[in-house]
Amino acid sequence: QNVRVRFAPSPTGFLHIGGLRTALYNYLFACANNGKFIVRIEDTDRTRIVEGAASSMLSTLERIGLHPDESPKHGGEYGPYVQSERLQHYQRVAHELIQNGAAYRCFCSPRRLSILKKDQRRRKETERYDNRCRDLTEGNIACNVAEGKPFVIRLKLKANFISIKDALFGKVGHNSYFEGDPVLLKSDGFPTYHLANVVDDHMMQISHVIRGKEWLTSTSKHVQIYEALGWDLPTFIHLPLLINTDGSKLSKRQVGKFFSGYSPSALLNFMAYYGSGFPGLRFYLISSYHSSQLVLSDAIVNFSKLDEFSTILTKYILDGNKSELQHMREALYKLVQQKYATTHAVVLPLLTQYKYLNIKLLTTQGHITKLNDLILKEYQYLWIRPEVQILPDHKVFHEAVCSLIRHLNTISWTSQDIESISSILSQHCKENGCSYPNLMKFLRQVFTNKEQGPKIADLLHMLGREETVCRLNNALSS
């Protein structure tokens, strides 16, 4: 079977954690089975659409590496991939369901439905449609249509127990008859999710429907639509829910805001960890994935895992993954420019040098969780040359600074050379009668404008020869 899976978000908000996890598992399944990953936008709930949400979702998926084979942006032979552009298909199928007796026109007004709900609430009954229009005669229907009464089309639910086979949960049964007949097509000609997802999955030849467990009970309705139309069922795989440590449902944290600054690798590993048999971090998710590794129980999300994965993966990338290092370097350049370029005298000439950016990344690995950490205030000295106030007490260090500059210009800048600088400065202080701790404190202020911080040797590693000498010369000229 040709594997074709889809991620079908609704642009009623921006991409959230649960949506990203669903997208990832669809993508992994497609890749692991040489299949196709399709993205379509389900925008039929017109009253709740958030402007810009659809384009944001598509760009977020691309940015983190979940590249679709078919989508509104990439096109494909089964398009269009936006539901509001496919209305004729849903309307045609809805009327076909009426003709074969699986659906019917409902002329109940919004006022009647509102009163029905209020009465059910007052009686503490489950809110449901009472199927009033299910048995209208052909004469009643023709009369209402002739009068121009608006109507919706509802699915005529079967009274029997519907059993479905889920690839993860096994055989699952549900009787949705007592929920009331659901709307398939609204009076404005737009479909509901129940109709649209079935029609699109069939027409786009989706082989496996992978989505959250919250849709498991609704699947019995979808199966009835498939059967009424004589269509083959796809394979259903419902993913466990994401929950908080206290067992409550996870809020829809927006991916863009909450995960800002984390690498795609860290983010995807974090998502894969919840709902699968992956025991821990994996550098190659696709080759490690198999649907048999999915678990049944809901996944308790521990957000500290994201920092753990991010730190490990950042170090892994910096230890030799040249392609990822280039991406991190480019991202760091953009971050620093956005943060400082318009308001501070950033070391822009140095920023254009890959060597300088590499030094910053390599010397901070193990100390940072994500790239955004490097634009926090504690690392500001990496990008902004501090304006050091030279006090009269500092003049005693003039010769030491001159000696240090001469030495720095002659050494080969190996780790051993840099580590030896402390002993050279200590010897200088003994010979010239100045305080070594005070000299170290002064140099730290010259490099960072802080009294406390990394060791001088670490600072030299981070700043590099050119920037180190520049800051020392600035101190001398002051």
Protein backbone atom coordinates (compact mmCIF):
# COMPACT_ATOMS: atom_id res chain seq x y z
CA GLN A 1 0.00 0.00 0.00
CA ASN A 2 1.18 3.50 -0.83
CA VAL A 3 1.45 5.30 2.50
CA ARG A 4 -0.10 8.76 2.51
CA VAL A 5 -0.66 10.61 5.78
CA ARG A 6 -1.87 14.12 6.52
CA PHE A 7 -1.62 16.83 9.13
CA ALA A 8 -4.75 18.98 8.95
CA PRO A 9 -4.65 21.91 11.39
CA SER A 10 -7.42 24.43 11.79
CA PRO A 11 -6.30 28.10 11.64
CA THR A 12 -8.43 29.02 14.66
CA GLY A 13 -5.16 29.65 16.52
CA PHE A 14 -1.43 29.25 16.09
CA LEU A 15 0.33 25.89 16.11
CA HIS A 16 0.36 24.41 19.62
CA ILE A 17 2.27 21.60 21.26
CA GLY A 18 -0.31 18.88 20.61
CA GLY A 19 -0.58 19.89 16.96
CA LEU A 20 3.18 19.80 16.51
CA ARG A 21 3.36 16.34 18.08
CA THR A 22 0.66 15.10 15.66
CA ALA A 23 2.50 16.64 12.69
CA LEU A 24 5.77 15.03 13.77
CA TYR A 25 4.30 11.52 14.06
CA ASN A 26 2.63 11.81 10.68
CA TYR A 27 5.93 12.96 9.18
CA LEU A 28 7.93 10.16 10.86
CA PHE A 29 5.40 7.55 9.73
CA ALA A 30 5.59 8.77 6.13
CA CYS A 31 9.39 8.86 6.09
CA ALA A 32 9.76 5.46 7.75
CA ASN A 33 7.43 3.90 5.15
CA ASN A 34 8.62 5.76 2.03
CA GLY A 35 5.30 7.54 1.98
CA LYS A 36 3.97 11.06 1.46
CA PHE A 37 3.36 13.70 4.13
CA ILE A 38 0.47 16.00 3.25
CA VAL A 39 -0.54 19.22 4.97
CA ARG A 40 -4.00 20.67 4.41
CA ILE A 41 -5.73 23.58 6.12
CA GLU A 42 -9.17 22.92 7.63
CA ASP A 43 -10.63 26.43 7.61
CA THR A 44 -14.35 25.68 7.52
CA ASP A 45 -15.07 27.17 10.96
CA ARG A 46 -15.22 30.68 9.53
CA THR A 47 -16.23 32.44 12.76
CA ARG A 48 -13.08 31.39 14.64
CA ILE A 49 -10.36 31.88 12.03
CA VAL A 50 -7.32 33.83 13.28
CA GLU A 51 -5.70 36.03 10.68
CA GLY A 52 -2.22 34.86 9.77
CA ALA A 53 -2.55 31.54 11.63
CA ALA A 54 -2.51 29.34 8.51
CA SER A 55 0.64 30.89 7.02
CA SER A 56 2.29 30.83 10.46
CA MET A 57 1.58 27.10 10.83
CA LEU A 58 3.03 26.31 7.41
CA SER A 59 6.18 28.37 8.01
CA THR A 60 6.65 26.83 11.49
CA LEU A 61 6.55 23.30 10.06
CA GLU A 62 9.11 24.24 7.42
CA ARG A 63 11.34 25.99 9.94
CA ILE A 64 11.59 22.96 12.21
CA GLY A 65 12.21 20.56 9.34
CA LEU A 66 8.80 18.91 8.77
CA HIS A 67 8.69 19.54 5.02
CA PRO A 68 5.43 18.38 3.39
CA ASP A 69 5.32 16.64 0.03
CA GLU A 70 1.97 18.26 -0.74
CA SER A 71 0.47 21.40 0.83
CA PRO A 72 -1.16 24.74 -0.01
CA LYS A 73 2.37 26.09 -0.61
CA HIS A 74 3.84 23.15 -2.53
CA GLY A 75 0.69 22.07 -4.37
CA GLY A 76 0.09 18.50 -5.53
CA GLU A 77 -2.17 16.37 -7.71
CA TYR A 78 -4.91 16.14 -5.06
CA GLY A 79 -5.29 19.86 -4.37
CA PRO A 80 -6.48 22.34 -3.49
CA TYR A 81 -5.25 21.78 0.07
CA VAL A 82 -7.43 24.42 1.73
CA GLN A 83 -10.93 23.25 2.62
CA SER A 84 -12.67 26.56 1.85
CA GLU A 85 -11.54 26.02 -1.75
CA ARG A 86 -13.14 22.55 -1.91
CA LEU A 87 -16.78 23.35 -1.00
CA GLN A 88 -18.25 21.81 -4.14
CA HIS A 89 -16.93 18.39 -3.12
CA TYR A 90 -18.55 18.49 0.33
CA GLN A 91 -21.86 19.77 -1.04
CA ARG A 92 -21.93 17.05 -3.70
CA VAL A 93 -21.20 14.28 -1.18
CA ALA A 94 -23.72 15.64 1.35
CA HIS A 95 -26.52 15.46 -1.22
CA GLU A 96 -25.37 12.00 -2.25
CA LEU A 97 -25.79 10.94 1.38
CA ILE A 98 -29.34 12.33 1.33
CA GLN A 99 -30.14 10.37 -1.81
CA ASN A 100 -28.98 7.06 -0.30
CA GLY A 101 -30.88 7.68 2.94
CA ALA A 102 -27.83 8.21 5.19
CA ALA A 103 -28.51 11.93 5.77
CA TYR A 104 -31.40 14.39 5.78
CA ARG A 105 -32.27 18.07 5.64
CA CYS A 106 -32.92 19.74 8.99
CA PHE A 107 -34.97 22.94 8.96
CA CYS A 108 -34.84 23.63 12.72
CA SER A 109 -34.17 27.32 13.36
CA PRO A 110 -31.33 28.53 15.59
CA ARG A 111 -34.00 29.78 18.03
CA ARG A 112 -35.57 26.34 18.35
CA LEU A 113 -32.17 24.69 18.87
CA SER A 114 -31.29 27.25 21.54
CA ILE A 115 -34.54 26.62 23.42
CA LEU A 116 -33.96 22.85 23.14
CA LYS A 117 -30.50 23.20 24.73
CA LYS A 118 -31.81 25.39 27.55
CA ASP A 119 -34.55 22.88 28.38
CA GLN A 120 -32.03 20.03 28.41
CA ARG A 121 -29.73 21.98 30.72
CA ARG A 122 -32.64 22.79 33.03
CA ARG A 123 -33.51 19.11 33.21
CA LYS A 124 -29.79 18.26 33.61
CA GLU A 125 -29.88 16.14 30.48
CA THR A 126 -27.11 15.69 27.94
CA GLU A 127 -27.32 18.38 25.29
CA ARG A 128 -28.21 16.78 21.97
CA TYR A 129 -30.31 17.33 18.89
CA ASP A 130 -33.65 15.54 19.22
CA ASN A 131 -33.68 14.35 15.58
CA ARG A 132 -37.00 16.17 14.95
CA CYS A 133 -36.47 16.53 11.19
CA ARG A 134 -35.24 12.98 10.67
CA ASP A 135 -38.64 11.66 9.60
CA LEU A 136 -40.07 14.59 7.63
CA THR A 137 -42.16 13.49 4.67
CA GLU A 138 -41.15 14.28 1.12
CA GLY A 139 -44.06 16.72 1.02
CA ASN A 140 -42.85 18.57 4.16
CA ILE A 141 -39.33 18.79 2.76
CA ALA A 142 -40.51 20.05 -0.66
CA CYS A 143 -42.71 22.67 0.99
CA ASN A 144 -39.91 23.96 3.22
CA VAL A 145 -37.51 24.13 0.28
CA ALA A 146 -40.09 25.95 -1.85
CA GLU A 147 -40.57 28.51 0.93
CA GLY A 148 -36.81 29.12 0.96
CA LYS A 149 -36.30 27.94 4.53
CA PRO A 150 -32.60 27.53 5.39
CA PHE A 151 -31.50 24.05 6.29
CA VAL A 152 -28.48 22.05 7.38
CA ILE A 153 -27.74 18.47 6.40
CA ARG A 154 -27.42 15.97 9.25
CA LEU A 155 -26.04 12.44 9.36
CA LYS A 156 -28.67 9.83 10.25
CA LEU A 157 -26.84 7.94 13.01
CA LYS A 158 -27.38 4.22 13.33
CA ALA A 159 -28.82 2.96 16.60
CA ASN A 160 -26.41 0.05 16.86
CA PHE A 161 -22.97 -0.16 18.46
CA ILE A 162 -20.22 0.82 15.97
CA SER A 163 -16.93 -1.02 16.27
CA ILE A 164 -13.74 0.36 14.77
CA LYS A 165 -10.24 -1.05 14.58
CA ASP A 166 -7.48 1.28 15.73
CA ALA A 167 -3.88 0.27 14.99
CA LEU A 168 -2.81 1.41 18.46
CA PHE A 169 -5.82 0.85 20.73
CA GLY A 170 -7.15 -2.25 18.96
CA LYS A 171 -10.89 -2.87 18.64
CA VAL A 172 -12.83 0.10 20.02
CA GLY A 173 -16.61 0.35 20.20
CA HIS A 174 -18.84 3.40 20.59
CA ASN A 175 -22.54 4.14 20.24
CA SER A 176 -22.95 7.76 19.16
CA TYR A 177 -26.70 7.42 18.49
CA PHE A 178 -27.63 9.00 21.83
CA GLU A 179 -25.54 12.09 21.04
CA GLY A 180 -28.05 13.23 18.43
CA ASP A 181 -27.60 13.41 14.67
CA PRO A 182 -24.59 15.65 13.88
CA VAL A 183 -24.52 18.38 11.26
CA LEU A 184 -22.53 17.52 8.13
CA LEU A 185 -23.19 20.60 6.02
CA LYS A 186 -24.14 23.99 7.47
CA SER A 187 -26.72 26.33 5.99
CA ASP A 188 -23.97 28.51 4.50
CA GLY A 189 -22.70 25.59 2.43
CA PHE A 190 -19.63 24.96 4.57
CA PRO A 191 -19.03 21.48 5.97
CA THR A 192 -18.33 20.47 9.54
CA TYR A 193 -15.22 18.51 10.48
CA HIS A 194 -17.09 15.20 10.37
CA LEU A 195 -17.89 15.49 6.67
CA ALA A 196 -14.88 17.45 5.42
CA ASN A 197 -12.18 15.23 6.89
CA VAL A 198 -13.81 12.07 5.51
CA VAL A 199 -14.27 13.51 2.01
CA ASP A 200 -10.75 14.93 1.88
CA ASP A 201 -9.10 11.80 3.26
CA HIS A 202 -10.88 9.72 0.63
CA MET A 203 -10.22 12.05 -2.29
CA MET A 204 -6.57 12.59 -1.29
CA GLN A 205 -6.14 8.81 -0.90
CA ILE A 206 -5.00 9.07 2.73
CA SER A 207 -3.97 5.57 3.84
CA HIS A 208 -3.45 6.24 7.56
CA VAL A 209 -5.26 8.78 9.74
CA ILE A 210 -2.94 9.67 12.62
CA ARG A 211 -4.46 12.13 15.11
CA GLY A 212 -5.07 12.75 18.80
CA LYS A 213 -7.06 10.35 20.98
CA GLU A 214 -9.72 13.01 21.55
CA TRP A 215 -11.10 12.09 18.09
CA LEU A 216 -11.44 8.39 18.88
CA THR A 217 -15.13 8.48 19.85
CA SER A 218 -16.00 10.66 16.83
CA THR A 219 -14.49 8.05 14.53
CA SER A 220 -17.66 5.95 14.80
CA LYS A 221 -19.51 8.78 13.01
CA HIS A 222 -16.82 8.94 10.34
CA VAL A 223 -17.00 5.18 9.79
CA GLN A 224 -20.75 5.48 9.13
CA ILE A 225 -20.06 8.09 6.44
CA TYR A 226 -17.43 5.87 4.80
CA GLU A 227 -19.78 2.91 4.82
CA ALA A 228 -22.75 4.89 3.50
CA LEU A 229 -20.66 5.99 0.52
CA GLY A 230 -19.11 2.57 -0.06
CA TRP A 231 -15.59 3.91 0.51
CA ASP A 232 -12.68 1.92 1.93
CA LEU A 233 -11.66 2.84 5.46
CA PRO A 234 -8.16 4.20 6.13
CA THR A 235 -6.12 2.75 8.97
CA PHE A 236 -6.75 4.75 12.15
CA ILE A 237 -3.97 5.50 14.64
CA HIS A 238 -5.01 7.66 17.60
CA LEU A 239 -2.19 9.14 19.65
CA PRO A 240 -2.30 9.34 23.47
CA LEU A 241 -3.05 12.72 25.02
CA LEU A 242 -0.47 15.11 26.42
CA ILE A 243 -1.17 15.93 30.06
CA ASN A 244 0.38 17.92 32.92
CA THR A 245 2.15 16.29 35.85
CA ASP A 246 -1.06 16.67 37.90
CA GLY A 247 -3.06 14.77 35.29
CA SER A 248 -4.87 17.82 33.91
CA LYS A 249 -5.09 18.48 30.19
CA LEU A 250 -2.13 20.33 28.75
CA SER A 251 -2.93 23.90 27.75
CA LYS A 252 -2.47 24.85 24.11
CA ARG A 253 0.90 26.53 24.47
CA GLN A 254 1.87 28.18 21.22
CA VAL A 255 4.95 26.63 19.68
CA GLY A 256 6.40 29.90 18.40
CA LYS A 257 6.28 31.66 21.76
CA PHE A 258 7.03 28.85 24.17
CA PHE A 259 9.80 27.19 22.16
CA SER A 260 11.53 30.33 20.96
CA GLY A 261 15.28 29.85 20.67
CA TYR A 262 15.37 26.05 20.83
CA SER A 263 16.90 24.18 17.91
CA PRO A 264 14.58 22.12 15.68
CA SER A 265 16.45 18.97 16.76
CA ALA A 266 15.77 19.63 20.44
CA LEU A 267 12.15 20.50 19.80
CA LEU A 268 11.44 17.43 17.68
CA ASN A 269 13.18 15.08 20.12
CA PHE A 270 11.13 16.59 22.94
CA MET A 271 7.90 15.97 21.01
CA ALA A 272 8.89 12.43 19.96
CA TYR A 273 9.68 11.54 23.57
CA TYR A 274 6.00 11.93 24.50
CA GLY A 275 3.79 9.23 23.08
CA SER A 276 6.40 6.84 21.78
CA GLY A 277 8.67 4.02 22.81
CA PHE A 278 11.75 6.18 22.25
CA PRO A 279 13.64 5.65 25.53
CA GLY A 280 15.42 8.98 25.27
CA LEU A 281 17.15 11.37 22.94
CA ARG A 282 17.75 10.23 19.35
CA PHE A 283 19.90 12.03 16.81
CA TYR A 284 18.18 10.23 13.94
CA LEU A 285 14.47 10.07 14.65
CA ILE A 286 13.34 8.65 11.31
CA SER A 287 15.57 5.57 11.41
CA SER A 288 14.62 4.99 15.06
CA TYR A 289 10.86 5.23 14.51
CA HIS A 290 8.33 2.46 14.22
CA SER A 291 4.62 2.74 14.95
CA SER A 292 4.82 -0.34 17.18
CA GLN A 293 6.79 1.82 19.63
CA LEU A 294 3.78 4.03 20.33
CA VAL A 295 2.31 3.66 23.79
CA LEU A 296 -1.32 3.65 24.93
CA SER A 297 -1.11 5.69 28.11
CA ASP A 298 -1.40 9.47 28.12
CA ALA A 299 1.97 11.22 28.20
CA ILE A 300 2.90 13.37 31.21
CA VAL A 301 4.87 16.30 29.83
CA ASN A 302 7.90 17.45 31.80
CA PHE A 303 9.18 20.66 30.22
CA SER A 304 12.59 20.38 31.91
CA LYS A 305 13.27 17.58 29.41
CA LEU A 306 13.34 20.20 26.67
CA ASP A 307 16.29 21.99 28.28
CA GLU A 308 18.02 18.64 28.83
CA PHE A 309 17.65 17.61 25.20
CA SER A 310 18.60 21.08 23.99
CA THR A 311 21.83 21.19 26.00
CA ILE A 312 22.92 17.72 24.82
CA LEU A 313 22.02 18.37 21.19
CA THR A 314 23.67 21.80 21.15
CA LYS A 315 26.90 20.23 22.36
CA TYR A 316 26.54 17.41 19.81
CA ILE A 317 26.11 19.91 16.95
CA LEU A 318 29.05 22.02 18.06
CA ASP A 319 31.24 18.95 18.37
CA GLY A 320 31.33 18.44 14.63
CA ASN A 321 28.03 18.60 12.76
CA LYS A 322 29.14 21.19 10.18
CA SER A 323 25.76 21.58 8.49
CA GLU A 324 23.90 22.20 11.75
CA LEU A 325 26.72 24.45 12.97
CA GLN A 326 26.26 26.68 9.93
CA HIS A 327 22.52 26.95 10.64
CA MET A 328 23.23 27.83 14.27
CA ARG A 329 25.79 30.39 13.22
CA GLU A 330 23.35 32.10 10.85
CA ALA A 331 20.60 32.02 13.48
CA LEU A 332 22.95 33.50 16.10
CA TYR A 333 23.94 36.31 13.74
CA LYS A 334 20.27 37.23 13.23
CA LEU A 335 19.51 37.06 16.95
CA VAL A 336 22.37 39.39 17.88
CA GLN A 337 21.46 41.89 15.18
CA GLN A 338 17.80 41.92 16.21
CA LYS A 339 18.69 42.32 19.87
CA TYR A 340 21.48 44.89 19.76
CA ALA A 341 22.21 46.36 16.33
CA THR A 342 19.80 49.31 16.52
CA THR A 343 20.48 50.33 20.11
CA HIS A 344 24.11 49.46 20.87
CA ALA A 345 27.54 49.66 19.35
CA VAL A 346 27.63 45.99 18.45
CA VAL A 347 30.84 44.45 17.22
CA LEU A 348 29.30 44.22 13.75
CA PRO A 349 32.56 43.84 11.79
CA LEU A 350 33.37 40.81 13.93
CA LEU A 351 29.85 39.44 13.60
CA THR A 352 30.39 39.03 9.88
CA GLN A 353 33.34 36.75 10.56
CA TYR A 354 32.32 33.11 10.92
CA LYS A 355 35.40 32.49 13.02
CA TYR A 356 34.18 34.88 15.72
CA LEU A 357 30.72 33.29 15.80
CA ASN A 358 32.25 29.80 15.92
CA ILE A 359 34.35 30.79 18.92
CA LYS A 360 31.27 32.05 20.76
CA LEU A 361 29.37 28.84 20.09
CA LEU A 362 32.20 26.44 20.83
CA THR A 363 33.37 28.13 24.03
CA THR A 364 29.88 28.33 25.52
CA GLN A 365 28.76 24.75 24.78
CA GLY A 366 27.65 22.99 27.93
CA HIS A 367 26.84 26.38 29.47
CA ILE A 368 23.91 27.31 27.23
CA THR A 369 20.62 25.51 26.69
CA LYS A 370 19.56 27.30 23.52
CA LEU A 371 20.84 30.01 21.21
CA ASN A 372 18.67 32.68 22.83
CA ASP A 373 20.76 32.27 26.00
CA LEU A 374 23.62 34.01 24.19
CA ILE A 375 21.67 37.26 23.96
CA LEU A 376 20.81 37.31 27.66
CA LYS A 377 22.30 40.11 29.74
CA GLU A 378 24.97 37.85 31.24
CA TYR A 379 26.48 37.32 27.77
CA GLN A 380 26.03 40.91 26.57
CA TYR A 381 29.80 41.52 26.72
CA LEU A 382 30.27 39.10 23.81
CA TRP A 383 28.54 41.54 21.46
CA ILE A 384 29.05 44.97 23.03
CA ARG A 385 32.44 46.48 23.80
CA PRO A 386 32.16 47.77 27.35
CA GLU A 387 32.95 51.39 28.16
CA VAL A 388 35.33 50.96 31.09
CA GLN A 389 35.86 53.79 33.54
CA ILE A 390 39.59 54.00 34.29
CA LEU A 391 40.22 55.05 37.89
CA PRO A 392 43.48 56.46 39.30
CA ASP A 393 44.09 53.15 41.06
CA HIS A 394 44.09 51.39 37.70
CA LYS A 395 47.16 53.25 36.36
CA VAL A 396 49.38 50.80 38.21
CA PHE A 397 48.24 48.15 35.70
CA HIS A 398 49.33 50.14 32.63
CA GLU A 399 52.60 48.29 32.13
CA ALA A 400 50.94 44.92 32.83
CA VAL A 401 48.36 45.58 30.08
CA CYS A 402 51.08 46.64 27.64
CA SER A 403 53.06 43.51 28.44
CA LEU A 404 49.94 41.37 28.01
CA ILE A 405 49.22 42.87 24.57
CA ARG A 406 52.77 42.18 23.40
CA HIS A 407 52.52 38.62 24.65
CA LEU A 408 49.12 38.00 23.06
CA ASN A 409 50.42 39.14 19.68
CA THR A 410 53.23 36.58 19.75
CA ILE A 411 51.58 33.39 21.01
CA SER A 412 49.92 30.85 18.70
CA TRP A 413 46.65 31.11 20.70
CA THR A 414 46.43 27.48 21.69
CA SER A 415 44.60 26.47 24.85
CA GLN A 416 47.92 25.84 26.54
CA ASP A 417 49.18 29.33 25.57
CA ILE A 418 46.05 30.99 26.94
CA GLU A 419 46.07 29.01 30.17
CA SER A 420 49.69 30.05 30.77
CA ILE A 421 48.79 33.76 30.72
CA SER A 422 47.64 33.71 34.34
CA SER A 423 51.05 32.54 35.56
CA ILE A 424 52.79 35.16 33.40
CA LEU A 425 50.64 37.93 34.86
CA SER A 426 51.15 36.59 38.36
CA GLN A 427 54.92 36.75 37.86
CA HIS A 428 54.63 40.30 36.50
CA CYS A 429 52.73 41.40 39.62
CA LYS A 430 55.40 39.92 41.90
CA GLU A 431 58.17 41.72 40.02
CA ASN A 432 56.38 45.07 39.92
CA GLY A 433 54.74 45.07 43.34
CA CYS A 434 51.09 45.18 42.23
CA SER A 435 48.15 43.05 43.35
CA TYR A 436 47.44 40.02 41.15
CA PRO A 437 43.76 39.65 42.32
CA ASN A 438 43.17 43.35 41.62
CA LEU A 439 44.75 43.00 38.17
CA MET A 440 42.43 40.06 37.38
CA LYS A 441 39.45 42.11 38.58
CA PHE A 442 40.53 45.04 36.38
CA LEU A 443 40.95 42.83 33.29
CA ARG A 444 37.52 41.31 33.86
CA GLN A 445 36.04 44.83 33.88
CA VAL A 446 37.93 45.66 30.68
CA PHE A 447 36.55 42.57 28.94
CA THR A 448 33.02 42.41 30.43
CA ASN A 449 32.42 45.54 32.52
CA LYS A 450 31.63 43.17 35.40
CA GLU A 451 33.44 42.51 38.65
CA GLN A 452 32.57 38.83 38.63
CA GLY A 453 32.32 36.32 35.84
CA PRO A 454 34.28 33.72 33.89
CA LYS A 455 37.99 33.17 34.39
CA ILE A 456 40.27 35.45 32.38
CA ALA A 457 41.48 32.47 30.33
CA ASP A 458 37.87 31.57 29.46
CA LEU A 459 37.17 35.16 28.45
CA LEU A 460 40.19 35.16 26.13
CA HIS A 461 38.88 31.94 24.56
CA MET A 462 35.46 33.49 24.03
CA LEU A 463 36.59 36.86 22.72
CA GLY A 464 39.45 35.64 20.54
CA ARG A 465 42.77 37.36 19.94
CA GLU A 466 41.55 40.29 17.80
CA GLU A 467 38.73 41.36 20.10
CA THR A 468 40.80 40.79 23.26
CA VAL A 469 43.64 43.06 22.03
CA CYS A 470 41.12 45.66 20.84
CA ARG A 471 39.52 45.91 24.29
CA LEU A 472 42.91 46.12 25.99
CA ASN A 473 43.98 48.94 23.66
CA ASN A 474 40.71 50.76 24.37
CA ALA A 475 41.50 50.54 28.07
CA LEU A 476 45.00 51.97 27.51
CA SER A 477 43.66 54.86 25.45
CA SER A 478 41.22 55.69 28.24
